[in-house]
C-alpha atoms as a PDB file:
ATOM      1  CA  MET A   1       0.000   0.000   0.000  1.00  0.00           C
ATOM      2  CA  ASP A   2       1.292   3.456  -0.908  1.00  0.00           C
ATOM      3  CA  ILE A   3       1.310   5.984   1.932  1.00  0.00           C
ATOM      4  CA  PHE A   4       1.332   9.682   1.049  1.00  0.00           C
ATOM      5  CA  ARG A   5       1.936  12.090   3.922  1.00  0.00           C
ATOM      6  CA  ARG A   6       0.604  15.119   2.029  1.00  0.00           C
ATOM      7  CA  PRO A   7      -1.250  15.625  -1.255  1.00  0.00           C
ATOM      8  CA  GLU A   8       1.865  16.954  -2.981  1.00  0.00           C
ATOM      9  CA  ASP A   9       3.514  13.536  -2.524  1.00  0.00           C
ATOM     10  CA  ILE A  10       1.082  11.874  -4.940  1.00  0.00           C
ATOM     11  CA  PRO A  11       2.961  11.354  -8.251  1.00  0.00           C
ATOM     12  CA  ALA A  12       1.739  13.430 -11.173  1.00  0.00           C
ATOM     13  CA  ASP A  13       1.290  10.255 -13.213  1.00  0.00           C
ATOM     14  CA  TYR A  14      -0.656   8.379 -10.518  1.00  0.00           C
ATOM     15  CA  GLY A  15      -3.789   8.631 -12.653  1.00  0.00           C
ATOM     16  CA  ARG A  16      -7.419   9.031 -11.715  1.00  0.00           C
ATOM     17  CA  THR A  17      -8.587   7.450  -8.476  1.00  0.00           C
ATOM     18  CA  VAL A  18     -11.571   6.258  -6.486  1.00  0.00           C
ATOM     19  CA  ILE A  19     -11.479   7.709  -2.976  1.00  0.00           C
ATOM     20  CA  THR A  20     -13.181   7.682   0.375  1.00  0.00           C
ATOM     21  CA  ILE A  21     -12.652  10.162   3.183  1.00  0.00           C
ATOM     22  CA  GLY A  22     -12.827   9.783   6.960  1.00  0.00           C
ATOM     23  CA  ASN A  23     -11.012   9.659  10.281  1.00  0.00           C
ATOM     24  CA  PHE A  24     -11.173   5.833  10.383  1.00  0.00           C
ATOM     25  CA  ASP A  25     -10.272   5.722  14.089  1.00  0.00           C
ATOM     26  CA  GLY A  26     -10.242   2.062  15.092  1.00  0.00           C
ATOM     27  CA  VAL A  27     -10.919   0.891  11.511  1.00  0.00           C
ATOM     28  CA  HIS A  28     -14.027  -0.869  12.823  1.00  0.00           C
ATOM     29  CA  ARG A  29     -16.572  -3.121  11.097  1.00  0.00           C
ATOM     30  CA  GLY A  30     -18.425  -0.161   9.592  1.00  0.00           C
ATOM     31  CA  HIS A  31     -15.166   1.125   8.145  1.00  0.00           C
ATOM     32  CA  ALA A  32     -14.457  -2.346   6.761  1.00  0.00           C
ATOM     33  CA  VAL A  33     -17.648  -2.175   4.684  1.00  0.00           C
ATOM     34  CA  VAL A  34     -16.621   1.247   3.358  1.00  0.00           C
ATOM     35  CA  LEU A  35     -13.176  -0.067   2.406  1.00  0.00           C
ATOM     36  CA  ASP A  36     -14.697  -3.102   0.675  1.00  0.00           C
ATOM     37  CA  GLU A  37     -17.015  -0.831  -1.328  1.00  0.00           C
ATOM     38  CA  LEU A  38     -14.069   1.422  -2.172  1.00  0.00           C
ATOM     39  CA  ARG A  39     -12.052  -1.494  -3.545  1.00  0.00           C
ATOM     40  CA  ALA A  40     -15.014  -2.794  -5.523  1.00  0.00           C
ATOM     41  CA  ALA A  41     -15.737   0.632  -7.042  1.00  0.00           C
ATOM     42  CA  ALA A  42     -12.080   1.076  -7.966  1.00  0.00           C
ATOM     43  CA  ASP A  43     -11.743  -2.425  -9.417  1.00  0.00           C
ATOM     44  CA  SER A  44     -14.863  -1.973 -11.575  1.00  0.00           C
ATOM     45  CA  ARG A  45     -13.312   1.173 -13.077  1.00  0.00           C
ATOM     46  CA  GLY A  46      -9.763  -0.161 -13.345  1.00  0.00           C
ATOM     47  CA  LEU A  47      -8.498   2.615 -11.052  1.00  0.00           C
ATOM     48  CA  ARG A  48      -6.545   2.859  -7.803  1.00  0.00           C
ATOM     49  CA  SER A  49      -8.424   2.920  -4.485  1.00  0.00           C
ATOM     50  CA  VAL A  50      -7.307   5.724  -2.139  1.00  0.00           C
ATOM     51  CA  VAL A  51      -8.299   6.358   1.478  1.00  0.00           C
ATOM     52  CA  VAL A  52      -8.028   9.943   2.711  1.00  0.00           C
ATOM     53  CA  THR A  53      -7.634  10.137   6.480  1.00  0.00           C
ATOM     54  CA  PHE A  54      -6.659  13.002   8.768  1.00  0.00           C
ATOM     55  CA  ASP A  55      -3.831  13.657  11.187  1.00  0.00           C
ATOM     56  CA  PRO A  56      -4.292  15.000  13.757  1.00  0.00           C
ATOM     57  CA  HIS A  57      -7.924  14.123  14.442  1.00  0.00           C
ATOM     58  CA  PRO A  58     -10.134  17.158  13.648  1.00  0.00           C
ATOM     59  CA  ARG A  59     -11.475  17.306  17.204  1.00  0.00           C
ATOM     60  CA  ILE A  60      -7.934  17.768  18.518  1.00  0.00           C
ATOM     61  CA  VAL A  61      -7.635  20.853  16.298  1.00  0.00           C
ATOM     62  CA  HIS A  62     -11.108  22.295  16.909  1.00  0.00           C
ATOM     63  CA  GLN A  63     -11.464  21.388  20.609  1.00  0.00           C
ATOM     64  CA  SER A  64      -7.943  21.514  21.974  1.00  0.00           C
ATOM     65  CA  ASP A  65      -9.282  21.986  25.513  1.00  0.00           C
ATOM     66  CA  SER A  66     -11.025  18.577  25.384  1.00  0.00           C
ATOM     67  CA  PRO A  67      -9.143  16.439  22.840  1.00  0.00           C
ATOM     68  CA  VAL A  68     -10.414  13.004  21.937  1.00  0.00           C
ATOM     69  CA  GLU A  69      -8.462   9.937  23.079  1.00  0.00           C
ATOM     70  CA  LEU A  70      -8.106   7.845  19.945  1.00  0.00           C
ATOM     71  CA  ILE A  71      -8.797   4.106  19.778  1.00  0.00           C
ATOM     72  CA  CYS A  72      -5.585   3.534  17.836  1.00  0.00           C
ATOM     73  CA  SER A  73      -2.481   5.412  16.779  1.00  0.00           C
ATOM     74  CA  LEU A  74      -1.893   6.595  13.226  1.00  0.00           C
ATOM     75  CA  ASP A  75       0.522   3.696  12.616  1.00  0.00           C
ATOM     76  CA  GLN A  76      -2.043   1.186  13.912  1.00  0.00           C
ATOM     77  CA  ARG A  77      -4.705   2.801  11.721  1.00  0.00           C
ATOM     78  CA  LEU A  78      -2.503   2.606   8.619  1.00  0.00           C
ATOM     79  CA  GLY A  79      -1.671  -1.030   9.339  1.00  0.00           C
ATOM     80  CA  ARG A  80      -5.330  -2.000   9.561  1.00  0.00           C
ATOM     81  CA  ILE A  81      -6.241  -0.038   6.437  1.00  0.00           C
ATOM     82  CA  ALA A  82      -3.378  -1.756   4.594  1.00  0.00           C
ATOM     83  CA  ARG A  83      -4.820  -5.161   5.529  1.00  0.00           C
ATOM     84  CA  SER A  84      -8.054  -4.200   3.739  1.00  0.00           C
ATOM     85  CA  GLY A  85      -6.218  -4.368   0.409  1.00  0.00           C
ATOM     86  CA  VAL A  86      -6.670  -0.760  -0.743  1.00  0.00           C
ATOM     87  CA  ASP A  87      -3.984   0.722  -2.972  1.00  0.00           C
ATOM     88  CA  ALA A  88      -3.069   3.890  -1.101  1.00  0.00           C
ATOM     89  CA  VAL A  89      -3.681   6.176   1.855  1.00  0.00           C
ATOM     90  CA  LEU A  90      -3.289   9.930   1.899  1.00  0.00           C
ATOM     91  CA  VAL A  91      -2.664  11.195   5.436  1.00  0.00           C
ATOM     92  CA  GLN A  92      -4.066  14.695   5.046  1.00  0.00           C
ATOM     93  CA  PRO A  93      -2.537  17.150   7.551  1.00  0.00           C
ATOM     94  CA  TYR A  94      -5.532  18.671   9.349  1.00  0.00           C
ATOM     95  CA  THR A  95      -5.190  22.352  10.144  1.00  0.00           C
ATOM     96  CA  LEU A  96      -7.552  25.263  10.761  1.00  0.00           C
ATOM     97  CA  ALA A  97      -6.664  26.598   7.314  1.00  0.00           C
ATOM     98  CA  PHE A  98      -7.591  23.262   5.706  1.00  0.00           C
ATOM     99  CA  ALA A  99     -10.876  23.209   7.654  1.00  0.00           C
ATOM    100  CA  ASP A 100     -11.719  26.757   6.554  1.00  0.00           C
ATOM    101  CA  GLN A 101     -12.194  25.851   2.889  1.00  0.00           C
ATOM    102  CA  SER A 102     -15.703  26.120   1.508  1.00  0.00           C
ATOM    103  CA  ALA A 103     -17.338  22.901   0.372  1.00  0.00           C
ATOM    104  CA  GLU A 104     -16.704  23.734  -3.303  1.00  0.00           C
ATOM    105  CA  GLU A 105     -13.104  24.808  -2.657  1.00  0.00           C
ATOM    106  CA  PHE A 106     -12.453  21.474  -0.937  1.00  0.00           C
ATOM    107  CA  VAL A 107     -13.920  19.540  -3.852  1.00  0.00           C
ATOM    108  CA  LEU A 108     -12.071  21.522  -6.524  1.00  0.00           C
ATOM    109  CA  ASP A 109      -8.702  21.706  -4.771  1.00  0.00           C
ATOM    110  CA  HIS A 110      -8.529  18.244  -3.208  1.00  0.00           C
ATOM    111  CA  LEU A 111     -10.956  15.793  -4.777  1.00  0.00           C
ATOM    112  CA  VAL A 112     -10.646  17.046  -8.346  1.00  0.00           C
ATOM    113  CA  GLY A 113      -7.272  18.813  -8.326  1.00  0.00           C
ATOM    114  CA  LYS A 114      -4.920  16.814  -6.098  1.00  0.00           C
ATOM    115  CA  LEU A 115      -6.630  13.411  -5.993  1.00  0.00           C
ATOM    116  CA  ARG A 116      -8.090  13.400  -9.508  1.00  0.00           C
ATOM    117  CA  ALA A 117     -11.135  11.534  -8.246  1.00  0.00           C
ATOM    118  CA  SER A 118     -13.246   9.589 -10.730  1.00  0.00           C
ATOM    119  CA  ALA A 119     -15.567   8.452  -7.928  1.00  0.00           C
ATOM    120  CA  VAL A 120     -16.056   9.245  -4.237  1.00  0.00           C
ATOM    121  CA  VAL A 121     -17.394   6.586  -1.836  1.00  0.00           C
ATOM    122  CA  VAL A 122     -19.345   8.067   1.114  1.00  0.00           C
ATOM    123  CA  GLY A 123     -22.111   7.411   3.618  1.00  0.00           C
ATOM    124  CA  HIS A 124     -25.468   9.191   3.649  1.00  0.00           C
ATOM    125  CA  ASP A 125     -24.246  11.432   6.481  1.00  0.00           C
ATOM    126  CA  VAL A 126     -21.172  12.788   4.689  1.00  0.00           C
ATOM    127  CA  ARG A 127     -20.223  16.352   5.699  1.00  0.00           C
ATOM    128  CA  PHE A 128     -17.358  18.440   4.351  1.00  0.00           C
ATOM    129  CA  GLY A 129     -16.158  21.995   3.945  1.00  0.00           C
ATOM    130  CA  ARG A 130     -16.213  24.987   6.291  1.00  0.00           C
ATOM    131  CA  GLY A 131     -18.571  24.377   9.215  1.00  0.00           C
ATOM    132  CA  ASN A 132     -19.566  21.028   7.637  1.00  0.00           C
ATOM    133  CA  SER A 133     -21.614  23.031   5.133  1.00  0.00           C
ATOM    134  CA  GLY A 134     -21.350  20.383   2.417  1.00  0.00           C
ATOM    135  CA  ASP A 135     -23.638  17.336   2.455  1.00  0.00           C
ATOM    136  CA  LEU A 136     -24.546  14.424   0.182  1.00  0.00           C
ATOM    137  CA  GLU A 137     -26.780  16.561  -2.045  1.00  0.00           C
ATOM    138  CA  ALA A 138     -24.032  19.150  -2.478  1.00  0.00           C
ATOM    139  CA  LEU A 139     -21.391  16.497  -3.193  1.00  0.00           C
ATOM    140  CA  THR A 140     -23.601  14.848  -5.812  1.00  0.00           C
ATOM    141  CA  ALA A 141     -24.223  18.170  -7.536  1.00  0.00           C
ATOM    142  CA  LEU A 142     -20.517  19.014  -7.492  1.00  0.00           C
ATOM    143  CA  GLY A 143     -19.731  15.570  -8.883  1.00  0.00           C
ATOM    144  CA  ARG A 144     -22.044  16.116 -11.845  1.00  0.00           C
ATOM    145  CA  ARG A 145     -20.455  19.508 -12.429  1.00  0.00           C
ATOM    146  CA  HIS A 146     -16.830  18.399 -12.139  1.00  0.00           C
ATOM    147  CA  GLY A 147     -16.867  14.881 -13.547  1.00  0.00           C
ATOM    148  CA  PHE A 148     -16.893  12.361 -10.690  1.00  0.00           C
ATOM    149  CA  ASP A 149     -19.445   9.827  -9.464  1.00  0.00           C
ATOM    150  CA  VAL A 150     -20.721   9.588  -5.900  1.00  0.00           C
ATOM    151  CA  VAL A 151     -21.136   6.044  -4.539  1.00  0.00           C
ATOM    152  CA  VAL A 152     -23.370   5.994  -1.455  1.00  0.00           C
ATOM    153  CA  ILE A 153     -23.080   3.275   1.195  1.00  0.00           C
ATOM    154  CA  ASP A 154     -26.000   2.242   3.400  1.00  0.00           C
ATOM    155  CA  GLU A 155     -25.710   2.358   7.190  1.00  0.00           C
ATOM    156  CA  VAL A 156     -23.773  -0.544   8.684  1.00  0.00           C
ATOM    157  CA  GLY A 157     -24.552  -2.273  11.975  1.00  0.00           C
ATOM    158  CA  GLU A 158     -26.955  -4.576  13.760  1.00  0.00           C
ATOM    159  CA  GLY A 159     -29.740  -2.169  14.672  1.00  0.00           C
ATOM    160  CA  THR A 160     -27.325   0.664  15.460  1.00  0.00           C
ATOM    161  CA  ARG A 161     -24.620   2.354  13.460  1.00  0.00           C
ATOM    162  CA  HIS A 162     -21.040   1.366  14.208  1.00  0.00           C
ATOM    163  CA  SER A 163     -19.207   4.406  15.534  1.00  0.00           C
ATOM    164  CA  SER A 164     -15.741   5.170  16.854  1.00  0.00           C
ATOM    165  CA  SER A 165     -17.195   7.289  19.664  1.00  0.00           C
ATOM    166  CA  ALA A 166     -19.371   4.382  20.864  1.00  0.00           C
ATOM    167  CA  ILE A 167     -16.346   2.064  20.828  1.00  0.00           C
ATOM    168  CA  ARG A 168     -14.318   4.597  22.835  1.00  0.00           C
ATOM    169  CA  ARG A 169     -17.063   4.643  25.486  1.00  0.00           C
ATOM    170  CA  LEU A 170     -17.087   0.853  25.674  1.00  0.00           C
ATOM    171  CA  LEU A 171     -13.317   0.751  26.177  1.00  0.00           C
ATOM    172  CA  GLU A 172     -13.457   3.487  28.796  1.00  0.00           C
ATOM    173  CA  GLU A 173     -16.037   1.345  30.634  1.00  0.00           C
ATOM    174  CA  GLY A 174     -13.855  -1.760  30.303  1.00  0.00           C
ATOM    175  CA  ASP A 175     -16.362  -3.586  28.086  1.00  0.00           C
ATOM    176  CA  VAL A 176     -13.700  -4.914  25.739  1.00  0.00           C
ATOM    177  CA  ARG A 177     -15.865  -7.805  24.530  1.00  0.00           C
ATOM    178  CA  SER A 178     -18.577  -5.461  23.211  1.00  0.00           C
ATOM    179  CA  ALA A 179     -15.871  -3.225  21.771  1.00  0.00           C
ATOM    180  CA  ALA A 180     -14.457  -6.231  19.895  1.00  0.00           C
ATOM    181  CA  ASP A 181     -17.914  -6.952  18.461  1.00  0.00           C
ATOM    182  CA  GLN A 182     -17.956  -3.413  17.053  1.00  0.00           C
ATOM    183  CA  LEU A 183     -14.325  -3.380  15.947  1.00  0.00           C
ATOM    184  CA  GLY A 184     -14.282  -6.819  14.380  1.00  0.00           C
ATOM    185  CA  TYR A 185     -11.123  -7.712  16.324  1.00  0.00           C
ATOM    186  CA  ASN A 186      -9.790  -7.565  19.885  1.00  0.00           C
ATOM    187  CA  HIS A 187      -8.681  -4.085  20.918  1.00  0.00           C
ATOM    188  CA  THR A 188      -4.884  -3.943  21.015  1.00  0.00           C
ATOM    189  CA  LEU A 189      -2.162  -1.784  22.559  1.00  0.00           C
ATOM    190  CA  THR A 190       1.308  -1.722  21.027  1.00  0.00           C
ATOM    191  CA  GLY A 191       4.498  -0.655  22.781  1.00  0.00           C
ATOM    192  CA  THR A 192       7.868  -1.640  24.189  1.00  0.00           C
ATOM    193  CA  VAL A 193       8.440  -3.950  27.171  1.00  0.00           C
ATOM    194  CA  VAL A 194       9.998  -1.972  30.016  1.00  0.00           C
ATOM    195  CA  HIS A 195      11.188  -2.734  33.539  1.00  0.00           C
ATOM    196  CA  GLY A 196       8.545  -2.493  36.257  1.00  0.00           C
ATOM    197  CA  GLU A 197       8.774  -2.705  40.032  1.00  0.00           C
ATOM    198  CA  LYS A 198       8.965  -6.544  39.858  1.00  0.00           C
ATOM    199  CA  ARG A 199       6.292  -7.040  42.533  1.00  0.00           C
ATOM    200  CA  GLY A 200       4.556  -9.612  40.351  1.00  0.00           C
ATOM    201  CA  ARG A 201       7.737 -11.644  40.106  1.00  0.00           C
ATOM    202  CA  GLU A 202       8.137 -11.535  43.901  1.00  0.00           C
ATOM    203  CA  MET A 203       4.598 -12.890  44.316  1.00  0.00           C
ATOM    204  CA  GLY A 204       5.049 -15.660  41.755  1.00  0.00           C
ATOM    205  CA  PHE A 205       3.316 -13.818  38.891  1.00  0.00           C
ATOM    206  CA  PRO A 206       6.048 -12.309  36.678  1.00  0.00           C
ATOM    207  CA  THR A 207       4.743  -9.759  34.201  1.00  0.00           C
ATOM    208  CA  ALA A 208       5.804  -7.922  31.072  1.00  0.00           C
ATOM    209  CA  ASN A 209       5.175  -4.196  31.464  1.00  0.00           C
ATOM    210  CA  LEU A 210       4.124  -2.032  28.533  1.00  0.00           C
ATOM    211  CA  ASP A 211       5.788   1.365  28.250  1.00  0.00           C
ATOM    212  CA  LEU A 212       3.716   4.414  29.189  1.00  0.00           C
ATOM    213  CA  GLU A 213       3.793   5.728  25.594  1.00  0.00           C
ATOM    214  CA  ALA A 214       2.096   2.630  24.187  1.00  0.00           C
ATOM    215  CA  GLU A 215      -0.130   3.130  21.153  1.00  0.00           C
ATOM    216  CA  GLY A 216      -3.884   2.719  21.574  1.00  0.00           C
ATOM    217  CA  LEU A 217      -6.606   3.676  24.036  1.00  0.00           C
ATOM    218  CA  VAL A 218      -5.973   2.053  27.431  1.00  0.00           C
ATOM    219  CA  PRO A 219      -9.254   0.525  28.683  1.00  0.00           C
ATOM    220  CA  ALA A 220     -10.701   1.001  32.162  1.00  0.00           C
ATOM    221  CA  ASP A 221      -8.647  -0.108  35.158  1.00  0.00           C
ATOM    222  CA  GLY A 222      -9.052  -3.747  36.072  1.00  0.00           C
ATOM    223  CA  VAL A 223      -7.962  -7.267  35.208  1.00  0.00           C
ATOM    224  CA  TYR A 224      -8.571  -8.759  31.762  1.00  0.00           C
ATOM    225  CA  ALA A 225      -8.145 -11.995  29.883  1.00  0.00           C
ATOM    226  CA  GLY A 226      -6.227 -11.444  26.682  1.00  0.00           C
ATOM    227  CA  TRP A 227      -3.092 -12.130  24.669  1.00  0.00           C
ATOM    228  CA  MET A 228       0.489 -10.922  24.516  1.00  0.00           C
ATOM    229  CA  HIS A 229       2.106 -11.068  21.100  1.00  0.00           C
ATOM    230  CA  PHE A 230       5.829 -10.554  20.467  1.00  0.00           C
ATOM    231  CA  PRO A 231       6.063 -10.178  16.664  1.00  0.00           C
ATOM    232  CA  SER A 232       9.853 -10.483  16.450  1.00  0.00           C
ATOM    233  CA  ARG A 233       9.744 -13.821  18.289  1.00  0.00           C
ATOM    234  CA  GLY A 234       6.574 -15.223  16.746  1.00  0.00           C
ATOM    235  CA  LEU A 235       5.168 -15.662  20.267  1.00  0.00           C
ATOM    236  CA  ARG A 236       1.483 -15.300  21.130  1.00  0.00           C
ATOM    237  CA  LEU A 237       0.706 -16.108  24.763  1.00  0.00           C
ATOM    238  CA  PRO A 238      -2.584 -16.369  26.696  1.00  0.00           C
ATOM    239  CA  THR A 239      -2.398 -13.703  29.367  1.00  0.00           C
ATOM    240  CA  ALA A 240      -3.949 -12.181  32.466  1.00  0.00           C
ATOM    241  CA  ILE A 241      -3.628  -8.417  31.947  1.00  0.00           C
ATOM    242  CA  SER A 242      -3.632  -5.842  34.731  1.00  0.00           C
ATOM    243  CA  VAL A 243      -4.468  -2.193  34.037  1.00  0.00           C
ATOM    244  CA  GLY A 244      -4.262   0.388  36.807  1.00  0.00           C
ATOM    245  CA  THR A 245      -2.224   2.077  39.513  1.00  0.00           C
ATOM    246  CA  ASN A 246      -1.619  -0.866  41.894  1.00  0.00           C
ATOM    247  CA  PRO A 247      -3.657   0.683  44.750  1.00  0.00           C
ATOM    248  CA  THR A 248      -2.646  -2.069  47.191  1.00  0.00           C
ATOM    249  CA  PHE A 249       0.861  -0.581  47.036  1.00  0.00           C
ATOM    250  CA  HIS A 250      -0.402   3.038  46.871  1.00  0.00           C
ATOM    251  CA  GLY A 251       0.741   3.412  43.279  1.00  0.00           C
ATOM    252  CA  SER A 252       0.068   6.579  41.309  1.00  0.00           C
ATOM    253  CA  VAL A 253       1.300   5.662  37.817  1.00  0.00           C
ATOM    254  CA  ARG A 254      -1.153   3.847  35.553  1.00  0.00           C
ATOM    255  CA  THR A 255       0.450   0.741  34.067  1.00  0.00           C
ATOM    256  CA  VAL A 256      -0.429  -2.115  31.721  1.00  0.00           C
ATOM    257  CA  GLU A 257       1.238  -5.447  32.489  1.00  0.00           C
ATOM    258  CA  GLY A 258       0.631  -9.005  31.425  1.00  0.00           C
ATOM    259  CA  HIS A 259       1.231 -12.358  33.124  1.00  0.00           C
ATOM    260  CA  ALA A 260       1.528 -15.206  30.618  1.00  0.00           C
ATOM    261  CA  LEU A 261      -0.518 -18.254  31.658  1.00  0.00           C
ATOM    262  CA  ASP A 262       1.244 -21.550  32.291  1.00  0.00           C
ATOM    263  CA  VAL A 263       4.528 -20.292  30.819  1.00  0.00           C
ATOM    264  CA  ARG A 264       7.921 -20.002  32.498  1.00  0.00           C
ATOM    265  CA  PHE A 265       7.826 -16.357  31.583  1.00  0.00           C
ATOM    266  CA  ALA A 266      10.473 -15.475  34.170  1.00  0.00           C
ATOM    267  CA  ASP A 267      13.009 -17.221  31.935  1.00  0.00           C
ATOM    268  CA  LEU A 268      12.051 -15.205  28.849  1.00  0.00           C
ATOM    269  CA  ASP A 269      13.966 -11.946  28.432  1.00  0.00           C
ATOM    270  CA  VAL A 270      11.668  -9.658  26.427  1.00  0.00           C
ATOM    271  CA  TYR A 271      12.844  -6.283  27.733  1.00  0.00           C
ATOM    272  CA  GLY A 272      13.060  -3.831  24.848  1.00  0.00           C
ATOM    273  CA  ASP A 273      10.919  -6.016  22.568  1.00  0.00           C
ATOM    274  CA  THR A 274       7.810  -4.718  20.831  1.00  0.00           C
ATOM    275  CA  MET A 275       4.714  -6.184  22.489  1.00  0.00           C
ATOM    276  CA  GLU A 276       1.072  -6.179  21.403  1.00  0.00           C
ATOM    277  CA  VAL A 277      -1.488  -6.615  24.191  1.00  0.00           C
ATOM    278  CA  SER A 278      -4.971  -7.663  23.052  1.00  0.00           C
ATOM    279  CA  PHE A 279      -8.008  -7.578  25.355  1.00  0.00           C
ATOM    280  CA  VAL A 280     -10.643 -10.328  25.195  1.00  0.00           C
ATOM    281  CA  GLU A 281     -12.757  -9.982  28.361  1.00  0.00           C
ATOM    282  CA  ARG A 282     -12.759  -8.003  31.584  1.00  0.00           C
ATOM    283  CA  ILE A 283     -12.518 -10.222  34.650  1.00  0.00           C
ATOM    284  CA  ARG A 284     -12.940  -7.617  37.387  1.00  0.00           C
ATOM    285  CA  GLY A 285     -12.350  -3.999  38.292  1.00  0.00           C
ATOM    286  CA  GLN A 286      -9.386  -2.599  40.179  1.00  0.00           C
ATOM    287  CA  VAL A 287      -9.402  -3.337  43.935  1.00  0.00           C
ATOM    288  CA  ALA A 288      -7.167  -2.272  46.827  1.00  0.00           C
ATOM    289  CA  PHE A 289      -6.388  -5.299  49.024  1.00  0.00           C
ATOM    290  CA  ARG A 290      -5.422  -5.359  52.690  1.00  0.00           C
ATOM    291  CA  GLY A 291      -1.992  -6.884  52.300  1.00  0.00           C
ATOM    292  CA  MET A 292      -0.205  -9.410  50.135  1.00  0.00           C
ATOM    293  CA  GLU A 293      -2.030 -12.634  51.050  1.00  0.00           C
ATOM    294  CA  PRO A 294      -5.500 -11.621  49.870  1.00  0.00           C
ATOM    295  CA  LEU A 295      -3.949 -10.067  46.757  1.00  0.00           C
ATOM    296  CA  ILE A 296      -2.073 -13.284  45.896  1.00  0.00           C
ATOM    297  CA  ALA A 297      -5.227 -15.345  46.472  1.00  0.00           C
ATOM    298  CA  GLN A 298      -7.154 -13.047  44.121  1.00  0.00           C
ATOM    299  CA  MET A 299      -4.406 -13.261  41.509  1.00  0.00           C
ATOM    300  CA  HIS A 300      -4.718 -17.045  41.488  1.00  0.00           C
ATOM    301  CA  GLU A 301      -8.461 -16.630  40.876  1.00  0.00           C
ATOM    302  CA  ASP A 302      -7.785 -14.073  38.129  1.00  0.00           C
ATOM    303  CA  VAL A 303      -5.410 -16.445  36.360  1.00  0.00           C
ATOM    304  CA  ASP A 304      -7.919 -19.301  36.586  1.00  0.00           C
ATOM    305  CA  ARG A 305     -10.689 -17.118  35.146  1.00  0.00           C
ATOM    306  CA  ALA A 306      -8.434 -15.851  32.369  1.00  0.00           C
ATOM    307  CA  ARG A 307      -7.514 -19.433  31.507  1.00  0.00           C
ATOM    308  CA  SER A 308     -11.195 -20.406  31.312  1.00  0.00           C
ATOM    309  CA  VAL A 309     -11.858 -17.535  28.905  1.00  0.00           C
ATOM    310  CA  LEU A 310      -8.850 -18.129  26.656  1.00  0.00           C
ATOM    311  CA  VAL A 311      -8.031 -21.832  26.707  1.00  0.00           C
ATOM    312  CA  SER A 312     -10.664 -24.263  25.516  1.00  0.00           C
END
């Protein structure tokens, strides 16, 4: 998949394209339908399929006092879009100047001028241009005037529309199973394994700690059943995952750490490795225990419950 970081990077001889436009945060099941329709529309015309996405997220630019916490990083987003089989992605830098274009200016400058669109794939609720002044009717009229088709996709979802904002709420509530139903895959964090305080090792539950700059939205504090994947080693391990501040030890830093089930993980040196942590089901919320013994007893229960979720 070609990745263009600005419109000017698209080669002059790239030819006409079929495009779709959106934030695509999470690249969820609704997005997957859009990407399938994009590929089909491009294939039927013998043209390249191009996804236009934005960085940073428009809400971060327009509401800097209350920025959105994204489901996935830009790199995670690009990786998932690439797996859909589209030909290219344009990562459009999102600025106030870009947002201030009128609907027709946006169409003429970007869709027609820079992207040379032969067709544009959108949902019924498409909005574009200054103050979201452009809608489906306006886009269709502009397409007739400037030589591109508009392909409209029906709503996607079982009774309700898939939405990134709904998935964010589910993750913030710790409902990772429902989030996975909406995403079409288990929500995943990606980062580097770093040294922790080694309390888990001392209690017989060694963990791999994810660095604080990990990519992806960290779900609600608690204990989860999930998976740790170390791509460079080809390892995928069933895991009990802890998210939180370790209140039993009066911690203040929020961490994500995983204990591999039934594996001599203490013998595996993964410090500095890239780790992907995927969440399958929440086992319980975060609890402060009165000492080590009740905590260790609960950790045994957590591991047993994680095993029952993950290992058939």
